[in-house]
Amino acid sequence: MAANALWPVVLLCWLVLLVPAAVSLARSGTAPSADALRLPAMGMVLVVAHAVIGFALGILLPRVIGAPIIAVADWIAVAFTRATEPYWLRHVSGQFADISFGEVPRFVSVAAPVLLAGGVAVGLLALWLPLPRPLGALLGLLIAVSGALGAHHLARDWPHTPPMATGRAPVDCAGERPRLCLPHMAAGNLAQEQREAARVLRTLRAAGVADADPARIDDVLNGPASPDSARRVWRLNLVSAHRTDEVGYQVMVQALRFRCPRTPVESAHAVWLWGANRTGTVDVYRERRRAEGDSEASRGTEAKVGDTVREVLRTSHDAQADWVRRSLASCAEDGA
């Protein structure tokens, strides 16, 4: 296995891996972050490992058929893990197909495929050490098995998605009570959206909604909130809010937090329509209901909801606050 034959293949693979990403970054004027380099670095290491494995096996096979057989076998060995269980098989193969915005695999997730492929490659390289052949074979086998077992030990208990670091994209924030934060690439209307969210929350607090007081509102792309801060840090789909009052509507719905996991549809819609009337987001409410489908049943439900809300809005401030509290605590019966 001559180095002058191996490295041209490795360099060609590196170019295929890196050039498209480099061109895209150059066109957008974006510099890669340290997190962004993690997966390409893993890919470069895996390219070397797979190339070493291929060249080592190629010595044992006829040259005419060795390359295509090894290439197809290697592709199948990696690709089939995506559609099978247990999950650790895909994790040790180096597949990361479910990475969301602002996510990056943790170092332990990157280490698993490197251990497997790297261990096998180094084990095969041990055969070329100046050692007696039985000793070299035994050392190579120990290295390869150690790498495979180490990769399995890391990944055996991982679920469908391996350990990921979230919320790593640049974020811009504005305002206080609430402090509203968006990914940098979508922060063009940040100040306006923060003012809209603050206005809606002030209106709801004045109307007696006690939960309308988050410390911070993040976009869902910024990553999940910790369990102990979920009530103080809200995650909303702000980046997709393209029309007027849509941010305010999402904030209103989040503030009107139901106490039961299942709430009667009429009660839920009535509370949201009441909140939309108080916060000036009725048009968005109507649009959401139309998006759910237009049927005789839905029209009947909305007619009842509209009658209920009109009656509530004619009552006193305290009566409305009491109605909202009771509605948020209403639960659907089993089977309803």
Foldseek 3Di string as FASTA:
>chain_A
DDPVVLVVQLVVVLCVLPVVVVVVCVVVVHDDDPLNCLLSVLVSLLSSLLSLVLVLVCVVDPVVCSVVVSVVVLCCQQVVLLVDDDLLSNQLSSDDPDAAFQKGADPLSSLLVSLQSVQQSVLSVLCPPPDPNVVSNVSSVVSNVVSNVVSCVSRVPAHNHHDMDGQRADKDWDDWQAIEIEGPVQCPCRVVLVVLLNLLLVLVVVLQLVLSGAGYEYEVRRDDDDPVRPSRYDYHNPSPPDDPCPSSLRSLLVSLAAPDPAADPLLSLLLSCLSCVSSVNNVVSVVVLVVVDDDPVSVVSVVVSVVVSVVLVVDDSVSNNVSSVVSSHHHDDPPD
